[in-house]
PDB file of N, CA and C in Angstrom:
ATOM      1  N   MET A   1     -13.250 -12.956  20.069  1.00  0.00           N
ATOM      2  CA  MET A   1     -12.294 -11.931  20.353  1.00  0.00           C
ATOM      3  C   MET A   1     -11.901 -11.143  19.102  1.00  0.00           C
ATOM      4  N   PHE A   2     -11.611 -11.871  18.003  1.00  0.00           N
ATOM      5  CA  PHE A   2     -11.190 -11.205  16.769  1.00  0.00           C
ATOM      6  C   PHE A   2     -12.253 -10.237  16.278  1.00  0.00           C
ATOM      7  N   ALA A   3     -13.500 -10.700  16.232  1.00  0.00           N
ATOM      8  CA  ALA A   3     -14.583  -9.839  15.745  1.00  0.00           C
ATOM      9  C   ALA A   3     -14.779  -8.639  16.664  1.00  0.00           C
ATOM     10  N   GLN A   4     -14.630  -8.847  17.957  1.00  0.00           N
ATOM     11  CA  GLN A   4     -14.775  -7.737  18.887  1.00  0.00           C
ATOM     12  C   GLN A   4     -13.662  -6.724  18.705  1.00  0.00           C
ATOM     13  N   SER A   5     -12.451  -7.199  18.380  1.00  0.00           N
ATOM     14  CA  SER A   5     -11.343  -6.267  18.161  1.00  0.00           C
ATOM     15  C   SER A   5     -11.563  -5.425  16.912  1.00  0.00           C
ATOM     16  N   LEU A   6     -12.379  -5.916  15.974  1.00  0.00           N
ATOM     17  CA  LEU A   6     -12.723  -5.148  14.772  1.00  0.00           C
ATOM     18  C   LEU A   6     -13.934  -4.263  15.009  1.00  0.00           C
ATOM     19  N   GLY A   7     -14.511  -4.341  16.199  1.00  0.00           N
ATOM     20  CA  GLY A   7     -15.676  -3.526  16.517  1.00  0.00           C
ATOM     21  C   GLY A   7     -16.962  -4.089  15.947  1.00  0.00           C
ATOM     22  N   MET A   8     -17.007  -5.399  15.691  1.00  0.00           N
ATOM     23  CA  MET A   8     -18.198  -6.024  15.110  1.00  0.00           C
ATOM     24  C   MET A   8     -19.001  -6.695  16.210  1.00  0.00           C
ATOM     25  N   ASN A   9     -20.294  -6.548  16.132  1.00  0.00           N
ATOM     26  CA  ASN A   9     -21.195  -7.109  17.116  1.00  0.00           C
ATOM     27  C   ASN A   9     -21.959  -8.259  16.472  1.00  0.00           C
ATOM     28  N   PHE A  10     -21.661  -9.505  16.864  1.00  0.00           N
ATOM     29  CA  PHE A  10     -22.307 -10.657  16.255  1.00  0.00           C
ATOM     30  C   PHE A  10     -23.734 -10.870  16.741  1.00  0.00           C
ATOM     31  N   LYS A  11     -24.191 -10.068  17.676  1.00  0.00           N
ATOM     32  CA  LYS A  11     -25.578 -10.175  18.101  1.00  0.00           C
ATOM     33  C   LYS A  11     -26.504  -9.596  17.037  1.00  0.00           C
ATOM     34  N   GLU A  12     -25.980  -8.694  16.223  1.00  0.00           N
ATOM     35  CA  GLU A  12     -26.762  -8.142  15.119  1.00  0.00           C
ATOM     36  C   GLU A  12     -26.735  -9.128  13.962  1.00  0.00           C
ATOM     37  N   PRO A  13     -27.776  -9.155  13.147  1.00  0.00           N
ATOM     38  CA  PRO A  13     -27.747 -10.036  11.984  1.00  0.00           C
ATOM     39  C   PRO A  13     -26.634  -9.618  11.023  1.00  0.00           C
ATOM     40  N   MET A  14     -25.943 -10.604  10.482  1.00  0.00           N
ATOM     41  CA  MET A  14     -24.875 -10.334   9.527  1.00  0.00           C
ATOM     42  C   MET A  14     -25.375 -10.641   8.130  1.00  0.00           C
ATOM     43  N   LYS A  15     -25.072  -9.737   7.202  1.00  0.00           N
ATOM     44  CA  LYS A  15     -25.384  -9.965   5.802  1.00  0.00           C
ATOM     45  C   LYS A  15     -24.106 -10.278   5.060  1.00  0.00           C
ATOM     46  N   ARG A  16     -24.179 -11.212   4.118  1.00  0.00           N
ATOM     47  CA  ARG A  16     -23.057 -11.557   3.265  1.00  0.00           C
ATOM     48  C   ARG A  16     -23.380 -11.039   1.870  1.00  0.00           C
ATOM     49  N   LEU A  17     -22.639 -10.044   1.424  1.00  0.00           N
ATOM     50  CA  LEU A  17     -22.938  -9.361   0.173  1.00  0.00           C
ATOM     51  C   LEU A  17     -21.769  -9.479  -0.790  1.00  0.00           C
ATOM     52  N   LEU A  18     -22.049  -9.259  -2.053  1.00  0.00           N
ATOM     53  CA  LEU A  18     -21.038  -9.277  -3.099  1.00  0.00           C
ATOM     54  C   LEU A  18     -20.996  -7.889  -3.712  1.00  0.00           C
ATOM     55  N   ARG A  19     -19.802  -7.272  -3.756  1.00  0.00           N
ATOM     56  CA  ARG A  19     -19.680  -5.899  -4.243  1.00  0.00           C
ATOM     57  C   ARG A  19     -18.599  -5.805  -5.317  1.00  0.00           C
ATOM     58  N   HIS A  20     -18.858  -4.953  -6.307  1.00  0.00           N
ATOM     59  CA  HIS A  20     -17.871  -4.648  -7.334  1.00  0.00           C
ATOM     60  C   HIS A  20     -17.044  -3.473  -6.824  1.00  0.00           C
ATOM     61  N   PRO A  21     -15.724  -3.642  -6.638  1.00  0.00           N
ATOM     62  CA  PRO A  21     -14.936  -2.591  -5.990  1.00  0.00           C
ATOM     63  C   PRO A  21     -14.805  -1.292  -6.783  1.00  0.00           C
ATOM     64  N   ARG A  22     -14.805  -1.370  -8.102  1.00  0.00           N
ATOM     65  CA  ARG A  22     -14.655  -0.130  -8.886  1.00  0.00           C
ATOM     66  C   ARG A  22     -15.925   0.709  -8.886  1.00  0.00           C
ATOM     67  N   THR A  23     -17.076   0.060  -8.967  1.00  0.00           N
ATOM     68  CA  THR A  23     -18.332   0.816  -9.012  1.00  0.00           C
ATOM     69  C   THR A  23     -18.932   1.020  -7.620  1.00  0.00           C
ATOM     70  N   GLY A  24     -18.552   0.154  -6.682  1.00  0.00           N
ATOM     71  CA  GLY A  24     -19.128   0.215  -5.350  1.00  0.00           C
ATOM     72  C   GLY A  24     -20.530  -0.359  -5.286  1.00  0.00           C
ATOM     73  N   LYS A  25     -21.003  -0.946  -6.388  1.00  0.00           N
ATOM     74  CA  LYS A  25     -22.359  -1.503  -6.427  1.00  0.00           C
ATOM     75  C   LYS A  25     -22.382  -2.929  -5.897  1.00  0.00           C
ATOM     76  N   PHE A  26     -23.525  -3.282  -5.302  1.00  0.00           N
ATOM     77  CA  PHE A  26     -23.752  -4.601  -4.735  1.00  0.00           C
ATOM     78  C   PHE A  26     -24.550  -5.458  -5.707  1.00  0.00           C
ATOM     79  N   PHE A  27     -24.258  -6.751  -5.696  1.00  0.00           N
ATOM     80  CA  PHE A  27     -24.929  -7.700  -6.591  1.00  0.00           C
ATOM     81  C   PHE A  27     -26.354  -7.954  -6.111  1.00  0.00           C
ATOM     82  N   ARG A  28     -27.310  -7.891  -7.059  1.00  0.00           N
ATOM     83  CA  ARG A  28     -28.723  -8.155  -6.742  1.00  0.00           C
ATOM     84  C   ARG A  28     -29.170  -9.516  -7.244  1.00  0.00           C
ATOM     85  N   GLY A  29     -28.387 -10.102  -8.159  1.00  0.00           N
ATOM     86  CA  GLY A  29     -28.781 -11.368  -8.784  1.00  0.00           C
ATOM     87  C   GLY A  29     -29.200 -11.125 -10.218  1.00  0.00           C
ATOM     88  N   ASN A  30     -29.136 -12.161 -11.026  1.00  0.00           N
ATOM     89  CA  ASN A  30     -29.540 -12.086 -12.440  1.00  0.00           C
ATOM     90  C   ASN A  30     -28.840 -10.958 -13.189  1.00  0.00           C
ATOM     91  N   GLY A  31     -27.567 -10.727 -12.880  1.00  0.00           N
ATOM     92  CA  GLY A  31     -26.796  -9.706 -13.584  1.00  0.00           C
ATOM     93  C   GLY A  31     -27.113  -8.276 -13.209  1.00  0.00           C
ATOM     94  N   ARG A  32     -27.904  -8.074 -12.180  1.00  0.00           N
ATOM     95  CA  ARG A  32     -28.284  -6.723 -11.750  1.00  0.00           C
ATOM     96  C   ARG A  32     -27.431  -6.284 -10.565  1.00  0.00           C
ATOM     97  N   TRP A  33     -27.177  -4.981 -10.492  1.00  0.00           N
ATOM     98  CA  TRP A  33     -26.365  -4.390  -9.431  1.00  0.00           C
ATOM     99  C   TRP A  33     -27.091  -3.184  -8.855  1.00  0.00           C
ATOM    100  N   THR A  34     -26.793  -2.845  -7.605  1.00  0.00           N
ATOM    101  CA  THR A  34     -27.427  -1.714  -6.936  1.00  0.00           C
ATOM    102  C   THR A  34     -26.426  -1.021  -6.017  1.00  0.00           C
ATOM    103  N   LYS A  35     -26.620   0.262  -5.806  1.00  0.00           N
ATOM    104  CA  LYS A  35     -25.792   1.006  -4.840  1.00  0.00           C
ATOM    105  C   LYS A  35     -26.323   0.846  -3.414  1.00  0.00           C
ATOM    106  N   ARG A  36     -27.555   0.380  -3.292  1.00  0.00           N
ATOM    107  CA  ARG A  36     -28.212   0.293  -1.983  1.00  0.00           C
ATOM    108  C   ARG A  36     -28.005  -1.067  -1.320  1.00  0.00           C
ATOM    109  N   VAL A  37     -27.469  -1.055  -0.109  1.00  0.00           N
ATOM    110  CA  VAL A  37     -27.226  -2.284   0.640  1.00  0.00           C
ATOM    111  C   VAL A  37     -28.526  -3.051   0.872  1.00  0.00           C
ATOM    112  N   ASP A  38     -29.599  -2.339   1.153  1.00  0.00           N
ATOM    113  CA  ASP A  38     -30.872  -2.999   1.461  1.00  0.00           C
ATOM    114  C   ASP A  38     -31.482  -3.720   0.260  1.00  0.00           C
ATOM    115  N   ARG A  39     -31.010  -3.430  -0.947  1.00  0.00           N
ATOM    116  CA  ARG A  39     -31.511  -4.109  -2.151  1.00  0.00           C
ATOM    117  C   ARG A  39     -30.565  -5.214  -2.641  1.00  0.00           C
ATOM    118  N   ALA A  40     -29.425  -5.341  -1.983  1.00  0.00           N
ATOM    119  CA  ALA A  40     -28.437  -6.341  -2.386  1.00  0.00           C
ATOM    120  C   ALA A  40     -28.892  -7.740  -1.989  1.00  0.00           C
ATOM    121  N   LEU A  41     -28.413  -8.710  -2.754  1.00  0.00           N
ATOM    122  CA  LEU A  41     -28.693 -10.110  -2.448  1.00  0.00           C
ATOM    123  C   LEU A  41     -27.899 -10.496  -1.205  1.00  0.00           C
ATOM    124  N   ASP A  42     -28.596 -10.981  -0.184  1.00  0.00           N
ATOM    125  CA  ASP A  42     -27.972 -11.436   1.059  1.00  0.00           C
ATOM    126  C   ASP A  42     -27.792 -12.946   0.947  1.00  0.00           C
ATOM    127  N   PHE A  43     -26.555 -13.384   0.798  1.00  0.00           N
ATOM    128  CA  PHE A  43     -26.268 -14.796   0.619  1.00  0.00           C
ATOM    129  C   PHE A  43     -26.366 -15.525   1.957  1.00  0.00           C
ATOM    130  N   PRO A  44     -26.922 -16.753   1.957  1.00  0.00           N
ATOM    131  CA  PRO A  44     -27.095 -17.482   3.215  1.00  0.00           C
ATOM    132  C   PRO A  44     -25.785 -18.007   3.810  1.00  0.00           C
ATOM    133  N   HIS A  45     -24.749 -18.125   2.983  1.00  0.00           N
ATOM    134  CA  HIS A  45     -23.470 -18.663   3.450  1.00  0.00           C
ATOM    135  C   HIS A  45     -22.351 -18.076   2.590  1.00  0.00           C
ATOM    136  N   VAL A  46     -21.178 -17.943   3.149  1.00  0.00           N
ATOM    137  CA  VAL A  46     -20.044 -17.379   2.416  1.00  0.00           C
ATOM    138  C   VAL A  46     -19.733 -18.192   1.161  1.00  0.00           C
ATOM    139  N   MET A  47     -19.883 -19.508   1.236  1.00  0.00           N
ATOM    140  CA  MET A  47     -19.596 -20.340   0.062  1.00  0.00           C
ATOM    141  C   MET A  47     -20.550 -20.056  -1.096  1.00  0.00           C
ATOM    142  N   HIS A  48     -21.764 -19.595  -0.805  1.00  0.00           N
ATOM    143  CA  HIS A  48     -22.687 -19.203  -1.870  1.00  0.00           C
ATOM    144  C   HIS A  48     -22.158 -17.982  -2.623  1.00  0.00           C
ATOM    145  N   VAL A  49     -21.469 -17.096  -1.922  1.00  0.00           N
ATOM    146  CA  VAL A  49     -20.864 -15.919  -2.556  1.00  0.00           C
ATOM    147  C   VAL A  49     -19.801 -16.367  -3.551  1.00  0.00           C
ATOM    148  N   VAL A  50     -18.940 -17.268  -3.114  1.00  0.00           N
ATOM    149  CA  VAL A  50     -17.871 -17.779  -3.978  1.00  0.00           C
ATOM    150  C   VAL A  50     -18.465 -18.532  -5.167  1.00  0.00           C
ATOM    151  N   HIS A  51     -19.416 -19.392  -4.917  1.00  0.00           N
ATOM    152  CA  HIS A  51     -20.054 -20.185  -5.971  1.00  0.00           C
ATOM    153  C   HIS A  51     -20.725 -19.290  -7.015  1.00  0.00           C
ATOM    154  N   THR A  52     -21.456 -18.296  -6.569  1.00  0.00           N
ATOM    155  CA  THR A  52     -22.121 -17.364  -7.483  1.00  0.00           C
ATOM    156  C   THR A  52     -21.100 -16.592  -8.306  1.00  0.00           C
ATOM    157  N   SER A  53     -20.023 -16.174  -7.673  1.00  0.00           N
ATOM    158  CA  SER A  53     -18.970 -15.452  -8.391  1.00  0.00           C
ATOM    159  C   SER A  53     -18.398 -16.303  -9.516  1.00  0.00           C
ATOM    160  N   LEU A  54     -18.148 -17.556  -9.222  1.00  0.00           N
ATOM    161  CA  LEU A  54     -17.604 -18.458 -10.235  1.00  0.00           C
ATOM    162  C   LEU A  54     -18.608 -18.744 -11.341  1.00  0.00           C
ATOM    163  N   LEU A  55     -19.852 -19.018 -10.976  1.00  0.00           N
ATOM    164  CA  LEU A  55     -20.888 -19.326 -11.969  1.00  0.00           C
ATOM    165  C   LEU A  55     -21.178 -18.151 -12.899  1.00  0.00           C
ATOM    166  N   CYS A  56     -21.150 -16.953 -12.360  1.00  0.00           N
ATOM    167  CA  CYS A  56     -21.478 -15.758 -13.136  1.00  0.00           C
ATOM    168  C   CYS A  56     -20.250 -15.138 -13.807  1.00  0.00           C
ATOM    169  N   GLY A  57     -19.074 -15.731 -13.599  1.00  0.00           N
ATOM    170  CA  GLY A  57     -17.862 -15.197 -14.203  1.00  0.00           C
ATOM    171  C   GLY A  57     -17.458 -13.842 -13.649  1.00  0.00           C
ATOM    172  N   LEU A  58     -17.785 -13.588 -12.389  1.00  0.00           N
ATOM    173  CA  LEU A  58     -17.447 -12.313 -11.760  1.00  0.00           C
ATOM    174  C   LEU A  58     -16.019 -12.377 -11.251  1.00  0.00           C
ATOM    175  N   ARG A  59     -15.197 -11.443 -11.682  1.00  0.00           N
ATOM    176  CA  ARG A  59     -13.796 -11.426 -11.272  1.00  0.00           C
ATOM    177  C   ARG A  59     -13.503 -10.178 -10.456  1.00  0.00           C
ATOM    178  N   ASP A  60     -12.559 -10.314  -9.565  1.00  0.00           N
ATOM    179  CA  ASP A  60     -12.118  -9.182  -8.740  1.00  0.00           C
ATOM    180  C   ASP A  60     -13.284  -8.480  -8.056  1.00  0.00           C
ATOM    181  N   VAL A  61     -14.128  -9.278  -7.424  1.00  0.00           N
ATOM    182  CA  VAL A  61     -15.236  -8.734  -6.638  1.00  0.00           C
ATOM    183  C   VAL A  61     -14.876  -8.842  -5.162  1.00  0.00           C
ATOM    184  N   GLU A  62     -15.716  -8.295  -4.312  1.00  0.00           N
ATOM    185  CA  GLU A  62     -15.462  -8.299  -2.876  1.00  0.00           C
ATOM    186  C   GLU A  62     -16.604  -8.964  -2.128  1.00  0.00           C
ATOM    187  N   LEU A  63     -16.249  -9.739  -1.132  1.00  0.00           N
ATOM    188  CA  LEU A  63     -17.207 -10.228  -0.160  1.00  0.00           C
ATOM    189  C   LEU A  63     -17.311  -9.149   0.901  1.00  0.00           C
ATOM    190  N   VAL A  64     -18.520  -8.715   1.187  1.00  0.00           N
ATOM    191  CA  VAL A  64     -18.732  -7.703   2.223  1.00  0.00           C
ATOM    192  C   VAL A  64     -19.564  -8.338   3.328  1.00  0.00           C
ATOM    193  N   LEU A  65     -19.021  -8.317   4.536  1.00  0.00           N
ATOM    194  CA  LEU A  65     -19.764  -8.754   5.711  1.00  0.00           C
ATOM    195  C   LEU A  65     -20.326  -7.496   6.347  1.00  0.00           C
ATOM    196  N   HIS A  66     -21.636  -7.417   6.383  1.00  0.00           N
ATOM    197  CA  HIS A  66     -22.324  -6.200   6.824  1.00  0.00           C
ATOM    198  C   HIS A  66     -22.992  -6.468   8.168  1.00  0.00           C
ATOM    199  N   PHE A  67     -22.575  -5.723   9.193  1.00  0.00           N
ATOM    200  CA  PHE A  67     -23.093  -5.874  10.553  1.00  0.00           C
ATOM    201  C   PHE A  67     -23.830  -4.605  10.950  1.00  0.00           C
ATOM    202  N   GLY A  68     -24.942  -4.332  10.331  1.00  0.00           N
ATOM    203  CA  GLY A  68     -25.673  -3.112  10.669  1.00  0.00           C
ATOM    204  C   GLY A  68     -24.925  -1.880  10.222  1.00  0.00           C
ATOM    205  N   ASP A  69     -24.242  -1.218  11.156  1.00  0.00           N
ATOM    206  CA  ASP A  69     -23.542   0.021  10.808  1.00  0.00           C
ATOM    207  C   ASP A  69     -22.059  -0.211  10.491  1.00  0.00           C
ATOM    208  N   LYS A  70     -21.577  -1.446  10.563  1.00  0.00           N
ATOM    209  CA  LYS A  70     -20.171  -1.742  10.281  1.00  0.00           C
ATOM    210  C   LYS A  70     -20.063  -2.729   9.125  1.00  0.00           C
ATOM    211  N   MET A  71     -18.985  -2.595   8.333  1.00  0.00           N
ATOM    212  CA  MET A  71     -18.744  -3.512   7.231  1.00  0.00           C
ATOM    213  C   MET A  71     -17.288  -3.960   7.248  1.00  0.00           C
ATOM    214  N   LYS A  72     -17.070  -5.208   6.890  1.00  0.00           N
ATOM    215  CA  LYS A  72     -15.727  -5.750   6.705  1.00  0.00           C
ATOM    216  C   LYS A  72     -15.667  -6.278   5.265  1.00  0.00           C
ATOM    217  N   THR A  73     -14.653  -5.872   4.522  1.00  0.00           N
ATOM    218  CA  THR A  73     -14.524  -6.234   3.103  1.00  0.00           C
ATOM    219  C   THR A  73     -13.379  -7.208   2.907  1.00  0.00           C
ATOM    220  N   VAL A  74     -13.653  -8.255   2.112  1.00  0.00           N
ATOM    221  CA  VAL A  74     -12.640  -9.263   1.784  1.00  0.00           C
ATOM    222  C   VAL A  74     -12.582  -9.384   0.271  1.00  0.00           C
ATOM    223  N   PRO A  75     -11.431  -9.102  -0.353  1.00  0.00           N
ATOM    224  CA  PRO A  75     -11.336  -9.260  -1.809  1.00  0.00           C
ATOM    225  C   PRO A  75     -11.473 -10.723  -2.220  1.00  0.00           C
ATOM    226  N   LEU A  76     -12.212 -10.993  -3.285  1.00  0.00           N
ATOM    227  CA  LEU A  76     -12.341 -12.337  -3.847  1.00  0.00           C
ATOM    228  C   LEU A  76     -11.758 -12.319  -5.246  1.00  0.00           C
ATOM    229  N   ASN A  77     -10.718 -13.060  -5.456  1.00  0.00           N
ATOM    230  CA  ASN A  77     -10.114 -13.151  -6.779  1.00  0.00           C
ATOM    231  C   ASN A  77     -10.480 -14.485  -7.396  1.00  0.00           C
ATOM    232  N   CYS A  78     -11.648 -14.549  -7.987  1.00  0.00           N
ATOM    233  CA  CYS A  78     -12.157 -15.771  -8.600  1.00  0.00           C
ATOM    234  C   CYS A  78     -11.714 -15.812 -10.062  1.00  0.00           C
ATOM    235  N   ARG A  79     -10.971 -16.815 -10.415  1.00  0.00           N
ATOM    236  CA  ARG A  79     -10.477 -16.937 -11.789  1.00  0.00           C
ATOM    237  C   ARG A  79     -10.787 -18.314 -12.313  1.00  0.00           C
TER     238      ARG A  79
END
């Protein structure tokens, strides 16, 4: 119900991405960033996003849940 109220369709594949809010770029891995969603690293689980953020020392980044044409952004304050 919650996802439907946000207009998200779980029948479509969901991507879990990491984005820098100031630049709008998505994390590609190995310290690389891209503006293109299709080149971003798609994490297999939300906890991998958090773990990578902590390991790489990334602060004030965003978890982006990408559902095809819709996105939901969650700020991650990893310190």
